[in-house]
Amino acid sequence: MRQHNKSKLTIGILSIVVVLLILFIAFFFVIKPQMNKYADERRLEGIELYVYNFILPELQANGYVQIPIGNETLILVPYIPEQSAQPTV
């Protein structure tokens, strides 16, 4: 009878270990990539809102935008390509 209880306990422990391994694998291959995808989508949405709500209006109003990056300042100005003169014949 003692052997029967010992084997039931071993099967129970191994079952728990297998379930935990399946959950661990599911987390790293299914859940975590979905969480990262969601975070990336929200990050891009925030960047777009920042550009449309802050940078473009200031660029249109002042003709330039100053963006502080650490101890330096990045100055953005609109780029207008040169129109090459086409020869008239």
PDB file of N, CA and C in Angstrom:
ATOM      1  N   MET A   1       0.821  -1.198   0.000  1.00  0.00           N
ATOM      2  CA  MET A   1       0.000   0.000   0.000  1.00  0.00           C
ATOM      3  C   MET A   1       0.864   1.259   0.000  1.00  0.00           C
ATOM      4  N   ARG A   2       1.982   1.196   0.671  1.00  0.00           N
ATOM      5  CA  ARG A   2       2.866   2.342   0.779  1.00  0.00           C
ATOM      6  C   ARG A   2       3.460   2.678  -0.595  1.00  0.00           C
ATOM      7  N   GLN A   3       3.803   1.656  -1.376  1.00  0.00           N
ATOM      8  CA  GLN A   3       4.352   1.844  -2.716  1.00  0.00           C
ATOM      9  C   GLN A   3       3.337   2.538  -3.633  1.00  0.00           C
ATOM     10  N   HIS A   4       2.072   2.199  -3.483  1.00  0.00           N
ATOM     11  CA  HIS A   4       1.011   2.789  -4.303  1.00  0.00           C
ATOM     12  C   HIS A   4       0.886   4.295  -4.030  1.00  0.00           C
ATOM     13  N   ASN A   5       0.956   4.715  -2.765  1.00  0.00           N
ATOM     14  CA  ASN A   5       0.882   6.127  -2.395  1.00  0.00           C
ATOM     15  C   ASN A   5       2.103   6.892  -2.886  1.00  0.00           C
ATOM     16  N   LYS A   6       3.265   6.234  -2.846  1.00  0.00           N
ATOM     17  CA  LYS A   6       4.495   6.868  -3.284  1.00  0.00           C
ATOM     18  C   LYS A   6       4.454   7.131  -4.798  1.00  0.00           C
ATOM     19  N   SER A   7       3.947   6.186  -5.561  1.00  0.00           N
ATOM     20  CA  SER A   7       3.871   6.372  -7.013  1.00  0.00           C
ATOM     21  C   SER A   7       2.815   7.429  -7.366  1.00  0.00           C
ATOM     22  N   LYS A   8       1.717   7.510  -6.617  1.00  0.00           N
ATOM     23  CA  LYS A   8       0.720   8.565  -6.840  1.00  0.00           C
ATOM     24  C   LYS A   8       1.324   9.944  -6.574  1.00  0.00           C
ATOM     25  N   LEU A   9       2.110  10.038  -5.527  1.00  0.00           N
ATOM     26  CA  LEU A   9       2.758  11.299  -5.188  1.00  0.00           C
ATOM     27  C   LEU A   9       3.750  11.692  -6.280  1.00  0.00           C
ATOM     28  N   THR A  10       4.514  10.745  -6.778  1.00  0.00           N
ATOM     29  CA  THR A  10       5.487  11.006  -7.840  1.00  0.00           C
ATOM     30  C   THR A  10       4.781  11.461  -9.111  1.00  0.00           C
ATOM     31  N   ILE A  11       3.703  10.813  -9.486  1.00  0.00           N
ATOM     32  CA  ILE A  11       2.941  11.199 -10.670  1.00  0.00           C
ATOM     33  C   ILE A  11       2.350  12.593 -10.492  1.00  0.00           C
ATOM     34  N   GLY A  12       1.869  12.901  -9.308  1.00  0.00           N
ATOM     35  CA  GLY A  12       1.304  14.228  -9.027  1.00  0.00           C
ATOM     36  C   GLY A  12       2.361  15.320  -9.149  1.00  0.00           C
ATOM     37  N   ILE A  13       3.541  15.070  -8.576  1.00  0.00           N
ATOM     38  CA  ILE A  13       4.621  16.058  -8.641  1.00  0.00           C
ATOM     39  C   ILE A  13       5.079  16.254 -10.083  1.00  0.00           C
ATOM     40  N   LEU A  14       5.239  15.163 -10.825  1.00  0.00           N
ATOM     41  CA  LEU A  14       5.652  15.266 -12.224  1.00  0.00           C
ATOM     42  C   LEU A  14       4.594  15.981 -13.057  1.00  0.00           C
ATOM     43  N   SER A  15       3.344  15.759 -12.767  1.00  0.00           N
ATOM     44  CA  SER A  15       2.266  16.455 -13.485  1.00  0.00           C
ATOM     45  C   SER A  15       2.330  17.957 -13.247  1.00  0.00           C
ATOM     46  N   ILE A  16       2.580  18.339 -12.016  1.00  0.00           N
ATOM     47  CA  ILE A  16       2.700  19.763 -11.677  1.00  0.00           C
ATOM     48  C   ILE A  16       3.897  20.378 -12.400  1.00  0.00           C
ATOM     49  N   VAL A  17       5.016  19.641 -12.442  1.00  0.00           N
ATOM     50  CA  VAL A  17       6.213  20.144 -13.126  1.00  0.00           C
ATOM     51  C   VAL A  17       5.928  20.330 -14.624  1.00  0.00           C
ATOM     52  N   VAL A  18       5.237  19.377 -15.236  1.00  0.00           N
ATOM     53  CA  VAL A  18       4.916  19.473 -16.660  1.00  0.00           C
ATOM     54  C   VAL A  18       4.004  20.667 -16.918  1.00  0.00           C
ATOM     55  N   VAL A  19       3.008  20.857 -16.085  1.00  0.00           N
ATOM     56  CA  VAL A  19       2.094  21.994 -16.254  1.00  0.00           C
ATOM     57  C   VAL A  19       2.853  23.318 -16.109  1.00  0.00           C
ATOM     58  N   LEU A  20       3.750  23.394 -15.129  1.00  0.00           N
ATOM     59  CA  LEU A  20       4.534  24.616 -14.950  1.00  0.00           C
ATOM     60  C   LEU A  20       5.438  24.882 -16.153  1.00  0.00           C
ATOM     61  N   LEU A  21       6.033  23.838 -16.714  1.00  0.00           N
ATOM     62  CA  LEU A  21       6.870  24.007 -17.905  1.00  0.00           C
ATOM     63  C   LEU A  21       6.042  24.478 -19.099  1.00  0.00           C
ATOM     64  N   ILE A  22       4.866  23.940 -19.260  1.00  0.00           N
ATOM     65  CA  ILE A  22       3.987  24.371 -20.359  1.00  0.00           C
ATOM     66  C   ILE A  22       3.600  25.836 -20.183  1.00  0.00           C
ATOM     67  N   LEU A  23       3.276  26.244 -18.966  1.00  0.00           N
ATOM     68  CA  LEU A  23       2.944  27.653 -18.709  1.00  0.00           C
ATOM     69  C   LEU A  23       4.146  28.559 -18.954  1.00  0.00           C
ATOM     70  N   PHE A  24       5.321  28.111 -18.566  1.00  0.00           N
ATOM     71  CA  PHE A  24       6.549  28.872 -18.776  1.00  0.00           C
ATOM     72  C   PHE A  24       6.805  29.070 -20.263  1.00  0.00           C
ATOM     73  N   ILE A  25       6.685  28.017 -21.041  1.00  0.00           N
ATOM     74  CA  ILE A  25       6.897  28.095 -22.489  1.00  0.00           C
ATOM     75  C   ILE A  25       5.818  28.964 -23.134  1.00  0.00           C
ATOM     76  N   ALA A  26       4.585  28.817 -22.705  1.00  0.00           N
ATOM     77  CA  ALA A  26       3.492  29.623 -23.263  1.00  0.00           C
ATOM     78  C   ALA A  26       3.726  31.097 -22.989  1.00  0.00           C
ATOM     79  N   PHE A  27       4.237  31.423 -21.807  1.00  0.00           N
ATOM     80  CA  PHE A  27       4.494  32.819 -21.478  1.00  0.00           C
ATOM     81  C   PHE A  27       5.531  33.419 -22.418  1.00  0.00           C
ATOM     82  N   PHE A  28       6.655  32.719 -22.622  1.00  0.00           N
ATOM     83  CA  PHE A  28       7.739  33.283 -23.414  1.00  0.00           C
ATOM     84  C   PHE A  28       7.496  33.241 -24.914  1.00  0.00           C
ATOM     85  N   PHE A  29       6.651  32.355 -25.392  1.00  0.00           N
ATOM     86  CA  PHE A  29       6.443  32.257 -26.831  1.00  0.00           C
ATOM     87  C   PHE A  29       5.084  32.781 -27.294  1.00  0.00           C
ATOM     88  N   VAL A  30       4.157  33.021 -26.393  1.00  0.00           N
ATOM     89  CA  VAL A  30       2.834  33.497 -26.796  1.00  0.00           C
ATOM     90  C   VAL A  30       2.493  34.815 -26.100  1.00  0.00           C
ATOM     91  N   ILE A  31       2.526  34.844 -24.798  1.00  0.00           N
ATOM     92  CA  ILE A  31       2.051  36.003 -24.040  1.00  0.00           C
ATOM     93  C   ILE A  31       3.021  37.181 -24.127  1.00  0.00           C
ATOM     94  N   LYS A  32       4.313  36.926 -23.895  1.00  0.00           N
ATOM     95  CA  LYS A  32       5.288  38.016 -23.895  1.00  0.00           C
ATOM     96  C   LYS A  32       5.393  38.700 -25.260  1.00  0.00           C
ATOM     97  N   PRO A  33       5.452  37.969 -26.391  1.00  0.00           N
ATOM     98  CA  PRO A  33       5.472  38.662 -27.688  1.00  0.00           C
ATOM     99  C   PRO A  33       4.226  39.525 -27.918  1.00  0.00           C
ATOM    100  N   GLN A  34       3.066  39.065 -27.464  1.00  0.00           N
ATOM    101  CA  GLN A  34       1.850  39.864 -27.611  1.00  0.00           C
ATOM    102  C   GLN A  34       1.919  41.137 -26.770  1.00  0.00           C
ATOM    103  N   MET A  35       2.483  41.027 -25.567  1.00  0.00           N
ATOM    104  CA  MET A  35       2.646  42.200 -24.714  1.00  0.00           C
ATOM    105  C   MET A  35       3.613  43.191 -25.351  1.00  0.00           C
ATOM    106  N   ASN A  36       4.716  42.695 -25.920  1.00  0.00           N
ATOM    107  CA  ASN A  36       5.680  43.570 -26.583  1.00  0.00           C
ATOM    108  C   ASN A  36       5.073  44.235 -27.811  1.00  0.00           C
ATOM    109  N   LYS A  37       4.280  43.501 -28.563  1.00  0.00           N
ATOM    110  CA  LYS A  37       3.625  44.053 -29.741  1.00  0.00           C
ATOM    111  C   LYS A  37       2.682  45.189 -29.335  1.00  0.00           C
ATOM    112  N   TYR A  38       1.908  44.969 -28.286  1.00  0.00           N
ATOM    113  CA  TYR A  38       0.989  45.995 -27.794  1.00  0.00           C
ATOM    114  C   TYR A  38       1.764  47.237 -27.346  1.00  0.00           C
ATOM    115  N   ALA A  39       2.859  47.027 -26.608  1.00  0.00           N
ATOM    116  CA  ALA A  39       3.660  48.159 -26.134  1.00  0.00           C
ATOM    117  C   ALA A  39       4.261  48.924 -27.310  1.00  0.00           C
ATOM    118  N   ASP A  40       4.744  48.229 -28.325  1.00  0.00           N
ATOM    119  CA  ASP A  40       5.301  48.893 -29.499  1.00  0.00           C
ATOM    120  C   ASP A  40       4.243  49.703 -30.240  1.00  0.00           C
ATOM    121  N   GLU A  41       3.040  49.156 -30.367  1.00  0.00           N
ATOM    122  CA  GLU A  41       1.955  49.885 -31.040  1.00  0.00           C
ATOM    123  C   GLU A  41       1.610  51.158 -30.272  1.00  0.00           C
ATOM    124  N   ARG A  42       1.539  51.078 -28.947  1.00  0.00           N
ATOM    125  CA  ARG A  42       1.228  52.265 -28.148  1.00  0.00           C
ATOM    126  C   ARG A  42       2.362  53.275 -28.226  1.00  0.00           C
ATOM    127  N   ARG A  43       3.613  52.814 -28.266  1.00  0.00           N
ATOM    128  CA  ARG A  43       4.756  53.706 -28.369  1.00  0.00           C
ATOM    129  C   ARG A  43       4.713  54.469 -29.694  1.00  0.00           C
ATOM    130  N   LEU A  44       4.434  53.766 -30.791  1.00  0.00           N
ATOM    131  CA  LEU A  44       4.336  54.420 -32.090  1.00  0.00           C
ATOM    132  C   LEU A  44       3.184  55.419 -32.128  1.00  0.00           C
ATOM    133  N   GLU A  45       2.082  55.056 -31.493  1.00  0.00           N
ATOM    134  CA  GLU A  45       0.943  55.969 -31.424  1.00  0.00           C
ATOM    135  C   GLU A  45       1.324  57.241 -30.669  1.00  0.00           C
ATOM    136  N   GLY A  46       2.071  57.100 -29.588  1.00  0.00           N
ATOM    137  CA  GLY A  46       2.518  58.261 -28.824  1.00  0.00           C
ATOM    138  C   GLY A  46       3.471  59.134 -29.616  1.00  0.00           C
ATOM    139  N   ILE A  47       4.362  58.508 -30.370  1.00  0.00           N
ATOM    140  CA  ILE A  47       5.298  59.274 -31.193  1.00  0.00           C
ATOM    141  C   ILE A  47       4.540  60.059 -32.255  1.00  0.00           C
ATOM    142  N   GLU A  48       3.572  59.417 -32.897  1.00  0.00           N
ATOM    143  CA  GLU A  48       2.788  60.101 -33.921  1.00  0.00           C
ATOM    144  C   GLU A  48       2.021  61.282 -33.320  1.00  0.00           C
ATOM    145  N   LEU A  49       1.431  61.084 -32.153  1.00  0.00           N
ATOM    146  CA  LEU A  49       0.704  62.182 -31.505  1.00  0.00           C
ATOM    147  C   LEU A  49       1.640  63.332 -31.170  1.00  0.00           C
ATOM    148  N   TYR A  50       2.843  63.014 -30.703  1.00  0.00           N
ATOM    149  CA  TYR A  50       3.822  64.044 -30.363  1.00  0.00           C
ATOM    150  C   TYR A  50       4.207  64.829 -31.607  1.00  0.00           C
ATOM    151  N   VAL A  51       4.433  64.119 -32.705  1.00  0.00           N
ATOM    152  CA  VAL A  51       4.826  64.793 -33.938  1.00  0.00           C
ATOM    153  C   VAL A  51       3.699  65.687 -34.431  1.00  0.00           C
ATOM    154  N   TYR A  52       2.477  65.163 -34.475  1.00  0.00           N
ATOM    155  CA  TYR A  52       1.359  65.935 -35.016  1.00  0.00           C
ATOM    156  C   TYR A  52       0.904  67.058 -34.091  1.00  0.00           C
ATOM    157  N   ASN A  53       1.004  66.865 -32.791  1.00  0.00           N
ATOM    158  CA  ASN A  53       0.492  67.874 -31.853  1.00  0.00           C
ATOM    159  C   ASN A  53       1.530  68.899 -31.430  1.00  0.00           C
ATOM    160  N   PHE A  54       2.820  68.577 -31.548  1.00  0.00           N
ATOM    161  CA  PHE A  54       3.839  69.503 -31.064  1.00  0.00           C
ATOM    162  C   PHE A  54       4.793  69.948 -32.167  1.00  0.00           C
ATOM    163  N   ILE A  55       5.419  69.009 -32.820  1.00  0.00           N
ATOM    164  CA  ILE A  55       6.496  69.349 -33.745  1.00  0.00           C
ATOM    165  C   ILE A  55       5.980  70.060 -34.993  1.00  0.00           C
ATOM    166  N   LEU A  56       4.982  69.504 -35.659  1.00  0.00           N
ATOM    167  CA  LEU A  56       4.501  70.127 -36.901  1.00  0.00           C
ATOM    168  C   LEU A  56       3.917  71.515 -36.694  1.00  0.00           C
ATOM    169  N   PRO A  57       3.056  71.749 -35.690  1.00  0.00           N
ATOM    170  CA  PRO A  57       2.558  73.119 -35.504  1.00  0.00           C
ATOM    171  C   PRO A  57       3.669  74.125 -35.181  1.00  0.00           C
ATOM    172  N   GLU A  58       4.638  73.706 -34.366  1.00  0.00           N
ATOM    173  CA  GLU A  58       5.737  74.619 -34.040  1.00  0.00           C
ATOM    174  C   GLU A  58       6.611  74.862 -35.265  1.00  0.00           C
ATOM    175  N   LEU A  59       6.813  73.849 -36.076  1.00  0.00           N
ATOM    176  CA  LEU A  59       7.589  73.990 -37.303  1.00  0.00           C
ATOM    177  C   LEU A  59       6.903  74.945 -38.276  1.00  0.00           C
ATOM    178  N   GLN A  60       5.595  74.837 -38.378  1.00  0.00           N
ATOM    179  CA  GLN A  60       4.852  75.715 -39.275  1.00  0.00           C
ATOM    180  C   GLN A  60       4.807  77.143 -38.742  1.00  0.00           C
ATOM    181  N   ALA A  61       4.749  77.306 -37.426  1.00  0.00           N
ATOM    182  CA  ALA A  61       4.669  78.650 -36.840  1.00  0.00           C
ATOM    183  C   ALA A  61       6.023  79.360 -36.859  1.00  0.00           C
ATOM    184  N   ASN A  62       7.101  78.651 -36.476  1.00  0.00           N
ATOM    185  CA  ASN A  62       8.408  79.292 -36.331  1.00  0.00           C
ATOM    186  C   ASN A  62       9.343  79.052 -37.510  1.00  0.00           C
ATOM    187  N   GLY A  63       9.093  78.021 -38.273  1.00  0.00           N
ATOM    188  CA  GLY A  63      10.008  77.678 -39.357  1.00  0.00           C
ATOM    189  C   GLY A  63      11.101  76.722 -38.923  1.00  0.00           C
ATOM    190  N   TYR A  64      11.162  76.426 -37.634  1.00  0.00           N
ATOM    191  CA  TYR A  64      12.131  75.466 -37.109  1.00  0.00           C
ATOM    192  C   TYR A  64      11.612  74.921 -35.781  1.00  0.00           C
ATOM    193  N   VAL A  65      12.213  73.830 -35.338  1.00  0.00           N
ATOM    194  CA  VAL A  65      11.868  73.230 -34.047  1.00  0.00           C
ATOM    195  C   VAL A  65      13.162  72.844 -33.354  1.00  0.00           C
ATOM    196  N   GLN A  66      13.269  73.177 -32.072  1.00  0.00           N
ATOM    197  CA  GLN A  66      14.428  72.771 -31.276  1.00  0.00           C
ATOM    198  C   GLN A  66      14.014  71.621 -30.371  1.00  0.00           C
ATOM    199  N   ILE A  67      14.768  70.528 -30.448  1.00  0.00           N
ATOM    200  CA  ILE A  67      14.486  69.364 -29.612  1.00  0.00           C
ATOM    201  C   ILE A  67      15.710  69.097 -28.752  1.00  0.00           C
ATOM    202  N   PRO A  68      15.588  69.232 -27.426  1.00  0.00           N
ATOM    203  CA  PRO A  68      16.742  68.954 -26.566  1.00  0.00           C
ATOM    204  C   PRO A  68      16.994  67.447 -26.462  1.00  0.00           C
ATOM    205  N   ILE A  69      18.247  67.059 -26.679  1.00  0.00           N
ATOM    206  CA  ILE A  69      18.660  65.659 -26.539  1.00  0.00           C
ATOM    207  C   ILE A  69      19.890  65.654 -25.649  1.00  0.00           C
ATOM    208  N   GLY A  70      19.700  65.321 -24.395  1.00  0.00           N
ATOM    209  CA  GLY A  70      20.814  65.344 -23.449  1.00  0.00           C
ATOM    210  C   GLY A  70      21.313  66.764 -23.274  1.00  0.00           C
ATOM    211  N   ASN A  71      22.622  66.961 -23.497  1.00  0.00           N
ATOM    212  CA  ASN A  71      23.225  68.292 -23.377  1.00  0.00           C
ATOM    213  C   ASN A  71      23.248  69.025 -24.708  1.00  0.00           C
ATOM    214  N   GLU A  72      22.680  68.452 -25.741  1.00  0.00           N
ATOM    215  CA  GLU A  72      22.704  69.052 -27.068  1.00  0.00           C
ATOM    216  C   GLU A  72      21.283  69.399 -27.510  1.00  0.00           C
ATOM    217  N   THR A  73      21.198  70.220 -28.529  1.00  0.00           N
ATOM    218  CA  THR A  73      19.901  70.605 -29.089  1.00  0.00           C
ATOM    219  C   THR A  73      19.881  70.254 -30.565  1.00  0.00           C
ATOM    220  N   LEU A  74      18.846  69.559 -30.966  1.00  0.00           N
ATOM    221  CA  LEU A  74      18.651  69.210 -32.363  1.00  0.00           C
ATOM    222  C   LEU A  74      17.678  70.220 -32.958  1.00  0.00           C
ATOM    223  N   ILE A  75      18.080  70.843 -34.058  1.00  0.00           N
ATOM    224  CA  ILE A  75      17.231  71.844 -34.703  1.00  0.00           C
ATOM    225  C   ILE A  75      16.711  71.244 -36.005  1.00  0.00           C
ATOM    226  N   LEU A  76      15.396  71.197 -36.129  1.00  0.00           N
ATOM    227  CA  LEU A  76      14.754  70.678 -37.333  1.00  0.00           C
ATOM    228  C   LEU A  76      14.205  71.830 -38.148  1.00  0.00           C
ATOM    229  N   VAL A  77      14.488  71.808 -39.439  1.00  0.00           N
ATOM    230  CA  VAL A  77      13.958  72.813 -40.356  1.00  0.00           C
ATOM    231  C   VAL A  77      13.338  72.085 -41.531  1.00  0.00           C
ATOM    232  N   PRO A  78      12.355  72.686 -42.184  1.00  0.00           N
ATOM    233  CA  PRO A  78      11.762  72.016 -43.342  1.00  0.00           C
ATOM    234  C   PRO A  78      12.767  71.957 -44.492  1.00  0.00           C
ATOM    235  N   TYR A  79      12.757  70.860 -45.199  1.00  0.00           N
ATOM    236  CA  TYR A  79      13.636  70.675 -46.346  1.00  0.00           C
ATOM    237  C   TYR A  79      12.852  70.953 -47.611  1.00  0.00           C
ATOM    238  N   ILE A  80      13.350  71.886 -48.386  1.00  0.00           N
ATOM    239  CA  ILE A  80      12.725  72.208 -49.662  1.00  0.00           C
ATOM    240  C   ILE A  80      13.768  71.930 -50.733  1.00  0.00           C
ATOM    241  N   PRO A  81      13.590  70.887 -51.503  1.00  0.00           N
ATOM    242  CA  PRO A  81      14.604  70.543 -52.508  1.00  0.00           C
ATOM    243  C   PRO A  81      14.677  71.622 -53.592  1.00  0.00           C
ATOM    244  N   GLU A  82      15.889  71.793 -54.113  1.00  0.00           N
ATOM    245  CA  GLU A  82      16.076  72.776 -55.174  1.00  0.00           C
ATOM    246  C   GLU A  82      15.368  72.317 -56.430  1.00  0.00           C
ATOM    247  N   GLN A  83      14.763  73.253 -57.088  1.00  0.00           N
ATOM    248  CA  GLN A  83      14.123  72.956 -58.363  1.00  0.00           C
ATOM    249  C   GLN A  83      15.158  73.179 -59.455  1.00  0.00           C
ATOM    250  N   SER A  84      15.540  72.133 -60.137  1.00  0.00           N
ATOM    251  CA  SER A  84      16.529  72.284 -61.190  1.00  0.00           C
ATOM    252  C   SER A  84      15.895  72.975 -62.389  1.00  0.00           C
ATOM    253  N   ALA A  85      16.618  73.904 -62.942  1.00  0.00           N
ATOM    254  CA  ALA A  85      16.109  74.647 -64.099  1.00  0.00           C
ATOM    255  C   ALA A  85      16.124  73.740 -65.312  1.00  0.00           C
ATOM    256  N   GLN A  86      14.987  73.611 -65.956  1.00  0.00           N
ATOM    257  CA  GLN A  86      14.904  72.766 -67.127  1.00  0.00           C
ATOM    258  C   GLN A  86      15.220  73.600 -68.353  1.00  0.00           C
ATOM    259  N   PRO A  87      16.088  73.069 -69.193  1.00  0.00           N
ATOM    260  CA  PRO A  87      16.459  73.854 -70.390  1.00  0.00           C
ATOM    261  C   PRO A  87      15.254  73.985 -71.317  1.00  0.00           C
ATOM    262  N   THR A  88      15.053  75.188 -71.792  1.00  0.00           N
ATOM    263  CA  THR A  88      13.977  75.420 -72.752  1.00  0.00           C
ATOM    264  C   THR A  88      14.567  75.447 -74.149  1.00  0.00           C
ATOM    265  N   VAL A  89      13.934  74.777 -75.039  1.00  0.00           N
ATOM    266  CA  VAL A  89      14.444  74.702 -76.408  1.00  0.00           C
ATOM    267  C   VAL A  89      13.531  75.412 -77.349  1.00  0.00           C
TER     268      VAL A  89
END
